[in-house]
Amino acid sequence: MDSNILCANKLFYNVRSCLRFLYLFLLKYMASSIPQFQTLITIEEFRELINKHFEKQISEGEIYDARDIERFNKIDEYTLMFIQHGQFATSFNQDRALRIFDQSMSWRKQHNVYDISTSAFPAEYFDRNIIYYKNYDKFNHPILHFVIRNLKKGHEDNEAIKRFITYNFEKHIRESPGKHIVVLFDMSGAGIGNLDYDLVKFIIASMQNYYPGLLGIFVENSFDLYVNIYIYICIVAYLLMFNMPFLLSAAWRLIRTWMSNEADRYIKFTDTKSITDYISPDQLPKQMGGTADES
């Protein structure tokens, strides 16, 4: 074989080996070194924008809760969540950011969200395992589970369930403001009798409008057939749909129309094999193909 070809092949395999090593190194340490979100507007500039634009609403105190405004003005990580929701790629959508801030703050005041606590819910809400936090994804984001099969459409107090959903979102941002979560919809074993459109609409509205910037950061990858490595190409927020039954496909098409145009970037459909791209087996229950303790 021509010596030049041999040298080229040797160089190719050396480069591939180096890239493989780099990938494994990044995968091992990514959880503790997630890329920082670079904003196109500073926290101070955004606060100044908000306080000036909504000066009347803030001073009157009838539309917004003063305690929410205080948190927005004092906790940088909380402010950053609103900035993230208005920023895409290389542009900052000021109108979108202002609209989301107004919707979130108005809704919080209307529903007295700041005062929500565990005392508002009976013990069964925590025991039924409909909504709960457990374990972490590969990038150390807490996983909020929604187990759809445990809901019974027409037999639930929807307003109370919505309040409980709010409690779980609120609990997280109070304890870890600015730390994202992963939302995992466990659709296995679910049917039409479990899928309540009213509750689904509320969950979507919460993630899109009431709790901006809450979803987790995921570094998506693509496979390079030539060098057989993963290349990180973008950072997106995401939620996981696990084992979507075929019978609910039509329902999903309807639900998709309620979501923003960017939703396709956030939603990942998974099964017992592909979910391990996002969550390690030791963080998944056995019924999802994992090995985690289910106690």
C-alpha atoms as a PDB file:
ATOM      1  CA  MET A   1       0.000   0.000   0.000  1.00  0.00           C
ATOM      2  CA  ASP A   2       1.225   3.495  -0.811  1.00  0.00           C
ATOM      3  CA  SER A   3       3.100   5.025   2.153  1.00  0.00           C
ATOM      4  CA  ASN A   4       1.073   8.248   1.876  1.00  0.00           C
ATOM      5  CA  ILE A   5      -2.169   6.301   2.253  1.00  0.00           C
ATOM      6  CA  LEU A   6      -0.769   4.451   5.268  1.00  0.00           C
ATOM      7  CA  CYS A   7       0.233   7.740   6.883  1.00  0.00           C
ATOM      8  CA  ALA A   8      -3.178   9.239   6.151  1.00  0.00           C
ATOM      9  CA  ASN A   9      -4.952   6.234   7.678  1.00  0.00           C
ATOM     10  CA  LYS A  10      -2.738   6.346  10.750  1.00  0.00           C
ATOM     11  CA  LEU A  11      -3.404  10.070  11.167  1.00  0.00           C
ATOM     12  CA  PHE A  12      -7.138   9.517  10.755  1.00  0.00           C
ATOM     13  CA  TYR A  13      -7.270   6.873  13.484  1.00  0.00           C
ATOM     14  CA  ASN A  14      -5.105   8.957  15.813  1.00  0.00           C
ATOM     15  CA  VAL A  15      -7.409  11.938  15.377  1.00  0.00           C
ATOM     16  CA  ARG A  16     -10.444   9.736  15.918  1.00  0.00           C
ATOM     17  CA  SER A  17      -8.938   8.334  19.131  1.00  0.00           C
ATOM     18  CA  CYS A  18      -8.228  11.827  20.420  1.00  0.00           C
ATOM     19  CA  LEU A  19     -11.758  12.957  19.642  1.00  0.00           C
ATOM     20  CA  ARG A  20     -13.224   9.915  21.348  1.00  0.00           C
ATOM     21  CA  PHE A  21     -11.177  10.688  24.459  1.00  0.00           C
ATOM     22  CA  LEU A  22     -12.321  14.304  24.367  1.00  0.00           C
ATOM     23  CA  TYR A  23     -15.945  13.257  24.096  1.00  0.00           C
ATOM     24  CA  LEU A  24     -15.696  10.879  27.073  1.00  0.00           C
ATOM     25  CA  PHE A  25     -13.946  13.558  29.103  1.00  0.00           C
ATOM     26  CA  LEU A  26     -16.661  16.113  28.338  1.00  0.00           C
ATOM     27  CA  LEU A  27     -19.423  13.634  29.080  1.00  0.00           C
ATOM     28  CA  LYS A  28     -17.905  12.780  32.452  1.00  0.00           C
ATOM     29  CA  TYR A  29     -17.482  16.370  33.599  1.00  0.00           C
ATOM     30  CA  MET A  30     -20.337  18.112  31.798  1.00  0.00           C
ATOM     31  CA  ALA A  31     -22.652  17.830  34.809  1.00  0.00           C
ATOM     32  CA  SER A  32     -20.346  20.021  36.856  1.00  0.00           C
ATOM     33  CA  SER A  33     -19.357  22.361  34.045  1.00  0.00           C
ATOM     34  CA  ILE A  34     -22.489  23.238  32.088  1.00  0.00           C
ATOM     35  CA  PRO A  35     -21.847  26.147  29.707  1.00  0.00           C
ATOM     36  CA  GLN A  36     -22.895  29.468  31.190  1.00  0.00           C
ATOM     37  CA  PHE A  37     -25.820  31.247  29.585  1.00  0.00           C
ATOM     38  CA  GLN A  38     -24.534  34.441  27.942  1.00  0.00           C
ATOM     39  CA  THR A  39     -27.146  37.201  28.040  1.00  0.00           C
ATOM     40  CA  LEU A  40     -27.514  40.020  25.545  1.00  0.00           C
ATOM     41  CA  ILE A  41     -28.881  42.313  28.241  1.00  0.00           C
ATOM     42  CA  THR A  42     -27.505  42.582  31.769  1.00  0.00           C
ATOM     43  CA  ILE A  43     -29.565  41.830  34.846  1.00  0.00           C
ATOM     44  CA  GLU A  44     -29.331  45.477  35.896  1.00  0.00           C
ATOM     45  CA  GLU A  45     -30.463  46.693  32.467  1.00  0.00           C
ATOM     46  CA  PHE A  46     -33.385  44.288  32.436  1.00  0.00           C
ATOM     47  CA  ARG A  47     -34.515  45.309  35.910  1.00  0.00           C
ATOM     48  CA  GLU A  48     -34.343  48.956  34.898  1.00  0.00           C
ATOM     49  CA  LEU A  49     -36.410  48.168  31.799  1.00  0.00           C
ATOM     50  CA  ILE A  50     -39.056  46.287  33.804  1.00  0.00           C
ATOM     51  CA  ASN A  51     -39.347  48.825  36.616  1.00  0.00           C
ATOM     52  CA  LYS A  52     -39.680  51.700  34.157  1.00  0.00           C
ATOM     53  CA  HIS A  53     -42.104  49.979  31.776  1.00  0.00           C
ATOM     54  CA  PHE A  54     -44.382  48.701  34.575  1.00  0.00           C
ATOM     55  CA  GLU A  55     -43.875  51.598  36.978  1.00  0.00           C
ATOM     56  CA  LYS A  56     -47.611  52.210  37.404  1.00  0.00           C
ATOM     57  CA  GLN A  57     -48.500  48.549  38.013  1.00  0.00           C
ATOM     58  CA  ILE A  58     -45.652  48.127  40.497  1.00  0.00           C
ATOM     59  CA  SER A  59     -46.376  51.311  42.475  1.00  0.00           C
ATOM     60  CA  GLU A  60     -50.112  50.632  42.772  1.00  0.00           C
ATOM     61  CA  GLY A  61     -49.581  47.081  44.021  1.00  0.00           C
ATOM     62  CA  GLU A  62     -52.951  45.832  42.785  1.00  0.00           C
ATOM     63  CA  ILE A  63     -51.843  43.776  39.789  1.00  0.00           C
ATOM     64  CA  TYR A  64     -48.462  42.520  41.032  1.00  0.00           C
ATOM     65  CA  ASP A  65     -47.521  41.125  44.446  1.00  0.00           C
ATOM     66  CA  ALA A  66     -44.909  43.408  46.021  1.00  0.00           C
ATOM     67  CA  ARG A  67     -43.077  40.360  47.369  1.00  0.00           C
ATOM     68  CA  ASP A  68     -42.675  38.941  43.859  1.00  0.00           C
ATOM     69  CA  ILE A  69     -41.317  42.273  42.644  1.00  0.00           C
ATOM     70  CA  GLU A  70     -38.880  42.364  45.552  1.00  0.00           C
ATOM     71  CA  ARG A  71     -37.611  38.891  44.672  1.00  0.00           C
ATOM     72  CA  PHE A  72     -37.246  39.918  41.030  1.00  0.00           C
ATOM     73  CA  ASN A  73     -35.206  42.980  42.032  1.00  0.00           C
ATOM     74  CA  LYS A  74     -32.988  41.199  44.554  1.00  0.00           C
ATOM     75  CA  ILE A  75     -32.342  37.639  43.367  1.00  0.00           C
ATOM     76  CA  ASP A  76     -30.197  37.652  40.237  1.00  0.00           C
ATOM     77  CA  GLU A  77     -30.917  34.025  39.333  1.00  0.00           C
ATOM     78  CA  TYR A  78     -34.663  34.670  39.376  1.00  0.00           C
ATOM     79  CA  THR A  79     -34.297  37.733  37.147  1.00  0.00           C
ATOM     80  CA  LEU A  80     -32.146  35.734  34.757  1.00  0.00           C
ATOM     81  CA  MET A  81     -34.982  33.245  34.186  1.00  0.00           C
ATOM     82  CA  PHE A  82     -37.066  36.001  32.591  1.00  0.00           C
ATOM     83  CA  ILE A  83     -34.130  37.171  30.473  1.00  0.00           C
ATOM     84  CA  GLN A  84     -33.536  33.633  29.196  1.00  0.00           C
ATOM     85  CA  HIS A  85     -37.147  33.331  28.106  1.00  0.00           C
ATOM     86  CA  GLY A  86     -36.817  36.414  25.933  1.00  0.00           C
ATOM     87  CA  GLN A  87     -33.500  35.519  24.344  1.00  0.00           C
ATOM     88  CA  PHE A  88     -32.986  33.235  21.376  1.00  0.00           C
ATOM     89  CA  ALA A  89     -29.644  32.670  19.661  1.00  0.00           C
ATOM     90  CA  THR A  90     -28.211  36.130  18.918  1.00  0.00           C
ATOM     91  CA  SER A  91     -31.295  38.255  19.580  1.00  0.00           C
ATOM     92  CA  PHE A  92     -33.210  39.470  22.618  1.00  0.00           C
ATOM     93  CA  ASN A  93     -36.953  39.844  22.086  1.00  0.00           C
ATOM     94  CA  GLN A  94     -37.832  42.727  24.399  1.00  0.00           C
ATOM     95  CA  ASP A  95     -41.562  42.640  23.646  1.00  0.00           C
ATOM     96  CA  ARG A  96     -41.712  38.940  24.444  1.00  0.00           C
ATOM     97  CA  ALA A  97     -39.798  39.412  27.693  1.00  0.00           C
ATOM     98  CA  LEU A  98     -42.113  42.251  28.798  1.00  0.00           C
ATOM     99  CA  ARG A  99     -45.212  40.247  27.905  1.00  0.00           C
ATOM    100  CA  ILE A 100     -44.048  37.154  29.788  1.00  0.00           C
ATOM    101  CA  PHE A 101     -43.122  39.209  32.850  1.00  0.00           C
ATOM    102  CA  ASP A 102     -46.569  40.819  32.919  1.00  0.00           C
ATOM    103  CA  GLN A 103     -48.382  37.496  32.437  1.00  0.00           C
ATOM    104  CA  SER A 104     -46.346  35.749  35.113  1.00  0.00           C
ATOM    105  CA  MET A 105     -46.608  38.483  37.728  1.00  0.00           C
ATOM    106  CA  SER A 106     -50.320  39.102  37.116  1.00  0.00           C
ATOM    107  CA  TRP A 107     -51.085  35.390  37.372  1.00  0.00           C
ATOM    108  CA  ARG A 108     -49.042  35.051  40.562  1.00  0.00           C
ATOM    109  CA  LYS A 109     -50.930  37.888  42.221  1.00  0.00           C
ATOM    110  CA  GLN A 110     -54.325  36.623  41.059  1.00  0.00           C
ATOM    111  CA  HIS A 111     -53.683  33.136  42.450  1.00  0.00           C
ATOM    112  CA  ASN A 112     -51.781  34.199  45.559  1.00  0.00           C
ATOM    113  CA  VAL A 113     -48.852  32.014  44.551  1.00  0.00           C
ATOM    114  CA  TYR A 114     -46.371  33.559  46.959  1.00  0.00           C
ATOM    115  CA  ASP A 115     -48.269  32.137  49.947  1.00  0.00           C
ATOM    116  CA  ILE A 116     -48.590  28.586  48.641  1.00  0.00           C
ATOM    117  CA  SER A 117     -47.393  25.869  51.047  1.00  0.00           C
ATOM    118  CA  THR A 118     -47.678  22.154  51.830  1.00  0.00           C
ATOM    119  CA  SER A 119     -50.433  22.824  54.377  1.00  0.00           C
ATOM    120  CA  ALA A 120     -52.842  23.508  51.506  1.00  0.00           C
ATOM    121  CA  PHE A 121     -52.805  19.865  50.367  1.00  0.00           C
ATOM    122  CA  PRO A 122     -53.987  16.596  51.923  1.00  0.00           C
ATOM    123  CA  ALA A 123     -51.427  13.843  52.397  1.00  0.00           C
ATOM    124  CA  GLU A 124     -52.880  11.836  49.499  1.00  0.00           C
ATOM    125  CA  TYR A 125     -51.559  14.400  47.040  1.00  0.00           C
ATOM    126  CA  PHE A 126     -48.022  13.462  48.049  1.00  0.00           C
ATOM    127  CA  ASP A 127     -48.759   9.725  48.302  1.00  0.00           C
ATOM    128  CA  ARG A 128     -50.407   9.168  44.895  1.00  0.00           C
ATOM    129  CA  ASN A 129     -47.186   9.789  42.961  1.00  0.00           C
ATOM    130  CA  ILE A 130     -48.848  11.882  40.284  1.00  0.00           C
ATOM    131  CA  ILE A 131     -46.354  14.744  40.473  1.00  0.00           C
ATOM    132  CA  TYR A 132     -43.044  14.495  42.284  1.00  0.00           C
ATOM    133  CA  TYR A 133     -39.324  15.267  42.082  1.00  0.00           C
ATOM    134  CA  LYS A 134     -36.912  12.367  42.002  1.00  0.00           C
ATOM    135  CA  ASN A 135     -33.319  11.990  40.759  1.00  0.00           C
ATOM    136  CA  TYR A 136     -31.379  13.959  38.131  1.00  0.00           C
ATOM    137  CA  ASP A 137     -30.620  13.949  34.418  1.00  0.00           C
ATOM    138  CA  LYS A 138     -27.109  13.613  32.977  1.00  0.00           C
ATOM    139  CA  PHE A 139     -26.446  17.307  33.544  1.00  0.00           C
ATOM    140  CA  ASN A 140     -27.534  17.272  37.186  1.00  0.00           C
ATOM    141  CA  HIS A 141     -30.947  18.886  36.660  1.00  0.00           C
ATOM    142  CA  PRO A 142     -33.730  17.714  39.006  1.00  0.00           C
ATOM    143  CA  ILE A 143     -36.399  15.626  37.283  1.00  0.00           C
ATOM    144  CA  LEU A 144     -40.053  16.519  37.857  1.00  0.00           C
ATOM    145  CA  HIS A 145     -42.191  13.463  37.088  1.00  0.00           C
ATOM    146  CA  PHE A 146     -45.770  13.670  35.816  1.00  0.00           C
ATOM    147  CA  VAL A 147     -47.280  10.164  35.912  1.00  0.00           C
ATOM    148  CA  ILE A 148     -50.293  10.487  33.641  1.00  0.00           C
ATOM    149  CA  ARG A 149     -51.757   7.018  34.305  1.00  0.00           C
ATOM    150  CA  ASN A 150     -52.342   7.997  37.945  1.00  0.00           C
ATOM    151  CA  LEU A 151     -54.770  10.749  36.926  1.00  0.00           C
ATOM    152  CA  LYS A 152     -58.461   9.933  36.457  1.00  0.00           C
ATOM    153  CA  LYS A 153     -60.175  12.381  34.129  1.00  0.00           C
ATOM    154  CA  GLY A 154     -63.514  13.534  35.481  1.00  0.00           C
ATOM    155  CA  HIS A 155     -62.734  12.308  39.007  1.00  0.00           C
ATOM    156  CA  GLU A 156     -60.165  14.900  40.025  1.00  0.00           C
ATOM    157  CA  ASP A 157     -60.493  18.337  41.567  1.00  0.00           C
ATOM    158  CA  ASN A 158     -58.718  20.076  38.698  1.00  0.00           C
ATOM    159  CA  GLU A 159     -58.256  23.375  40.493  1.00  0.00           C
ATOM    160  CA  ALA A 160     -56.622  21.575  43.416  1.00  0.00           C
ATOM    161  CA  ILE A 161     -54.385  19.585  41.034  1.00  0.00           C
ATOM    162  CA  LYS A 162     -53.367  22.825  39.299  1.00  0.00           C
ATOM    163  CA  ARG A 163     -52.522  24.301  42.678  1.00  0.00           C
ATOM    164  CA  PHE A 164     -50.404  21.247  43.459  1.00  0.00           C
ATOM    165  CA  ILE A 165     -48.590  21.585  40.136  1.00  0.00           C
ATOM    166  CA  THR A 166     -47.916  25.221  40.985  1.00  0.00           C
ATOM    167  CA  TYR A 167     -46.640  24.216  44.414  1.00  0.00           C
ATOM    168  CA  ASN A 168     -44.061  21.888  42.837  1.00  0.00           C
ATOM    169  CA  PHE A 169     -42.813  24.544  40.402  1.00  0.00           C
ATOM    170  CA  GLU A 170     -42.766  27.164  43.140  1.00  0.00           C
ATOM    171  CA  LYS A 171     -40.978  24.918  45.620  1.00  0.00           C
ATOM    172  CA  HIS A 172     -38.114  24.511  43.191  1.00  0.00           C
ATOM    173  CA  ILE A 173     -37.562  28.170  42.306  1.00  0.00           C
ATOM    174  CA  ARG A 174     -37.634  29.131  45.986  1.00  0.00           C
ATOM    175  CA  GLU A 175     -35.058  26.523  46.947  1.00  0.00           C
ATOM    176  CA  SER A 176     -32.911  26.797  43.806  1.00  0.00           C
ATOM    177  CA  PRO A 177     -33.666  29.971  41.845  1.00  0.00           C
ATOM    178  CA  GLY A 178     -32.084  29.877  38.412  1.00  0.00           C
ATOM    179  CA  LYS A 179     -31.472  26.114  38.517  1.00  0.00           C
ATOM    180  CA  HIS A 180     -33.359  24.453  35.695  1.00  0.00           C
ATOM    181  CA  ILE A 181     -35.418  21.283  35.841  1.00  0.00           C
ATOM    182  CA  VAL A 182     -36.324  18.502  33.438  1.00  0.00           C
ATOM    183  CA  VAL A 183     -40.013  17.695  33.075  1.00  0.00           C
ATOM    184  CA  LEU A 184     -40.657  13.996  32.452  1.00  0.00           C
ATOM    185  CA  PHE A 185     -44.143  12.990  31.273  1.00  0.00           C
ATOM    186  CA  ASP A 186     -44.505   9.276  31.982  1.00  0.00           C
ATOM    187  CA  MET A 187     -47.156   8.254  29.457  1.00  0.00           C
ATOM    188  CA  SER A 188     -46.721   4.489  29.875  1.00  0.00           C
ATOM    189  CA  GLY A 189     -50.020   2.720  30.577  1.00  0.00           C
ATOM    190  CA  ALA A 190     -52.001   5.918  30.037  1.00  0.00           C
ATOM    191  CA  GLY A 191     -55.182   6.136  27.993  1.00  0.00           C
ATOM    192  CA  ILE A 192     -57.836   8.654  27.015  1.00  0.00           C
ATOM    193  CA  GLY A 193     -59.354   8.290  30.484  1.00  0.00           C
ATOM    194  CA  ASN A 194     -56.141   9.635  32.054  1.00  0.00           C
ATOM    195  CA  LEU A 195     -55.421  12.571  29.760  1.00  0.00           C
ATOM    196  CA  ASP A 196     -57.247  15.684  30.936  1.00  0.00           C
ATOM    197  CA  TYR A 197     -56.865  18.496  28.401  1.00  0.00           C
ATOM    198  CA  ASP A 198     -57.589  21.155  30.999  1.00  0.00           C
ATOM    199  CA  LEU A 199     -54.645  20.035  33.135  1.00  0.00           C
ATOM    200  CA  VAL A 200     -52.377  19.625  30.114  1.00  0.00           C
ATOM    201  CA  LYS A 201     -53.179  23.194  29.016  1.00  0.00           C
ATOM    202  CA  PHE A 202     -52.306  24.453  32.492  1.00  0.00           C
ATOM    203  CA  ILE A 203     -48.961  22.622  32.549  1.00  0.00           C
ATOM    204  CA  ILE A 204     -48.083  24.067  29.149  1.00  0.00           C
ATOM    205  CA  ALA A 205     -49.099  27.585  30.218  1.00  0.00           C
ATOM    206  CA  SER A 206     -47.039  27.242  33.395  1.00  0.00           C
ATOM    207  CA  MET A 207     -43.891  26.309  31.500  1.00  0.00           C
ATOM    208  CA  GLN A 208     -44.388  28.847  28.703  1.00  0.00           C
ATOM    209  CA  ASN A 209     -45.716  31.839  30.617  1.00  0.00           C
ATOM    210  CA  TYR A 210     -45.878  31.532  34.403  1.00  0.00           C
ATOM    211  CA  TYR A 211     -42.458  30.001  35.095  1.00  0.00           C
ATOM    212  CA  PRO A 212     -40.214  31.259  32.294  1.00  0.00           C
ATOM    213  CA  GLY A 213     -36.753  29.758  32.015  1.00  0.00           C
ATOM    214  CA  LEU A 214     -37.578  26.845  34.314  1.00  0.00           C
ATOM    215  CA  LEU A 215     -36.889  23.959  31.942  1.00  0.00           C
ATOM    216  CA  GLY A 216     -33.481  22.330  31.978  1.00  0.00           C
ATOM    217  CA  ILE A 217     -30.542  22.962  29.675  1.00  0.00           C
ATOM    218  CA  PHE A 218     -29.602  20.081  27.422  1.00  0.00           C
ATOM    219  CA  VAL A 219     -26.630  19.951  25.102  1.00  0.00           C
ATOM    220  CA  GLU A 220     -28.026  18.207  22.045  1.00  0.00           C
ATOM    221  CA  ASN A 221     -25.754  16.114  19.885  1.00  0.00           C
ATOM    222  CA  SER A 222     -25.418  14.771  16.370  1.00  0.00           C
ATOM    223  CA  PHE A 223     -23.533  11.710  15.122  1.00  0.00           C
ATOM    224  CA  ASP A 224     -20.642  12.133  12.728  1.00  0.00           C
ATOM    225  CA  LEU A 225     -20.434   8.983  10.572  1.00  0.00           C
ATOM    226  CA  TYR A 226     -16.927   9.789   9.413  1.00  0.00           C
ATOM    227  CA  VAL A 227     -15.137  10.006  12.724  1.00  0.00           C
ATOM    228  CA  ASN A 228     -17.692   8.146  14.885  1.00  0.00           C
ATOM    229  CA  ILE A 229     -17.950  10.736  17.652  1.00  0.00           C
ATOM    230  CA  TYR A 230     -20.589  12.998  19.144  1.00  0.00           C
ATOM    231  CA  ILE A 231     -20.314  16.700  18.466  1.00  0.00           C
ATOM    232  CA  TYR A 232     -22.124  19.154  20.717  1.00  0.00           C
ATOM    233  CA  ILE A 233     -23.979  21.655  18.581  1.00  0.00           C
ATOM    234  CA  CYS A 234     -26.577  23.554  20.564  1.00  0.00           C
ATOM    235  CA  ILE A 235     -28.097  24.160  23.968  1.00  0.00           C
ATOM    236  CA  VAL A 236     -31.869  23.885  24.341  1.00  0.00           C
ATOM    237  CA  ALA A 237     -34.461  23.540  27.106  1.00  0.00           C
ATOM    238  CA  TYR A 238     -36.381  20.272  27.047  1.00  0.00           C
ATOM    239  CA  LEU A 239     -39.071  18.028  28.419  1.00  0.00           C
ATOM    240  CA  LEU A 240     -39.306  14.288  27.905  1.00  0.00           C
ATOM    241  CA  MET A 241     -42.332  12.335  26.711  1.00  0.00           C
ATOM    242  CA  PHE A 242     -41.847   8.708  27.776  1.00  0.00           C
ATOM    243  CA  ASN A 243     -43.652   5.837  26.016  1.00  0.00           C
ATOM    244  CA  MET A 244     -46.410   7.813  24.303  1.00  0.00           C
ATOM    245  CA  PRO A 245     -49.148   5.227  23.463  1.00  0.00           C
ATOM    246  CA  PHE A 246     -50.237   5.095  19.840  1.00  0.00           C
ATOM    247  CA  LEU A 247     -53.852   5.681  20.906  1.00  0.00           C
ATOM    248  CA  LEU A 248     -52.857   9.104  22.255  1.00  0.00           C
ATOM    249  CA  SER A 249     -51.187  10.245  19.031  1.00  0.00           C
ATOM    250  CA  ALA A 250     -54.276  12.145  17.877  1.00  0.00           C
ATOM    251  CA  ALA A 251     -54.581  13.778  21.294  1.00  0.00           C
ATOM    252  CA  TRP A 252     -50.933  14.840  21.067  1.00  0.00           C
ATOM    253  CA  ARG A 253     -51.503  16.517  17.692  1.00  0.00           C
ATOM    254  CA  LEU A 254     -54.186  18.652  19.325  1.00  0.00           C
ATOM    255  CA  ILE A 255     -52.001  19.455  22.330  1.00  0.00           C
ATOM    256  CA  ARG A 256     -49.160  20.502  20.031  1.00  0.00           C
ATOM    257  CA  THR A 257     -51.339  23.312  18.609  1.00  0.00           C
ATOM    258  CA  TRP A 258     -51.463  24.917  22.060  1.00  0.00           C
ATOM    259  CA  MET A 259     -47.696  25.198  22.278  1.00  0.00           C
ATOM    260  CA  SER A 260     -45.279  27.825  21.001  1.00  0.00           C
ATOM    261  CA  ASN A 261     -43.532  27.555  17.649  1.00  0.00           C
ATOM    262  CA  GLU A 262     -40.277  26.719  19.448  1.00  0.00           C
ATOM    263  CA  ALA A 263     -41.805  23.706  21.217  1.00  0.00           C
ATOM    264  CA  ASP A 264     -40.346  21.139  18.821  1.00  0.00           C
ATOM    265  CA  ARG A 265     -36.892  22.053  20.114  1.00  0.00           C
ATOM    266  CA  TYR A 266     -37.939  21.380  23.701  1.00  0.00           C
ATOM    267  CA  ILE A 267     -39.862  18.110  23.376  1.00  0.00           C
ATOM    268  CA  LYS A 268     -38.059  14.766  23.202  1.00  0.00           C
ATOM    269  CA  PHE A 269     -40.049  11.567  22.629  1.00  0.00           C
ATOM    270  CA  THR A 270     -38.377   8.611  24.309  1.00  0.00           C
ATOM    271  CA  ASP A 271     -38.734   4.933  25.137  1.00  0.00           C
ATOM    272  CA  THR A 272     -36.801   2.625  27.469  1.00  0.00           C
ATOM    273  CA  LYS A 273     -33.811   2.698  25.115  1.00  0.00           C
ATOM    274  CA  SER A 274     -33.593   6.343  24.036  1.00  0.00           C
ATOM    275  CA  ILE A 275     -34.374   7.875  27.424  1.00  0.00           C
ATOM    276  CA  THR A 276     -30.872   6.894  28.553  1.00  0.00           C
ATOM    277  CA  ASP A 277     -29.555   9.541  26.141  1.00  0.00           C
ATOM    278  CA  TYR A 278     -30.834  12.045  28.688  1.00  0.00           C
ATOM    279  CA  ILE A 279     -30.982  10.212  32.017  1.00  0.00           C
ATOM    280  CA  SER A 280     -28.531   7.583  33.276  1.00  0.00           C
ATOM    281  CA  PRO A 281     -29.998   4.149  34.142  1.00  0.00           C
ATOM    282  CA  ASP A 282     -29.124   4.562  37.825  1.00  0.00           C
ATOM    283  CA  GLN A 283     -31.444   7.592  37.890  1.00  0.00           C
ATOM    284  CA  LEU A 284     -34.372   5.799  36.221  1.00  0.00           C
ATOM    285  CA  PRO A 285     -36.918   3.398  37.761  1.00  0.00           C
ATOM    286  CA  LYS A 286     -36.959  -0.186  36.542  1.00  0.00           C
ATOM    287  CA  GLN A 287     -40.172   0.254  34.563  1.00  0.00           C
ATOM    288  CA  MET A 288     -38.328   2.855  32.480  1.00  0.00           C
ATOM    289  CA  GLY A 289     -35.428   0.501  31.893  1.00  0.00           C
ATOM    290  CA  GLY A 290     -33.337   1.803  34.769  1.00  0.00           C
ATOM    291  CA  THR A 291     -31.840   0.480  37.984  1.00  0.00           C
ATOM    292  CA  ALA A 292     -32.745   3.200  40.506  1.00  0.00           C
ATOM    293  CA  ASP A 293     -34.194   2.416  43.909  1.00  0.00           C
ATOM    294  CA  GLU A 294     -37.960   2.999  43.620  1.00  0.00           C
ATOM    295  CA  SER A 295     -38.624   3.418  47.323  1.00  0.00           C
END
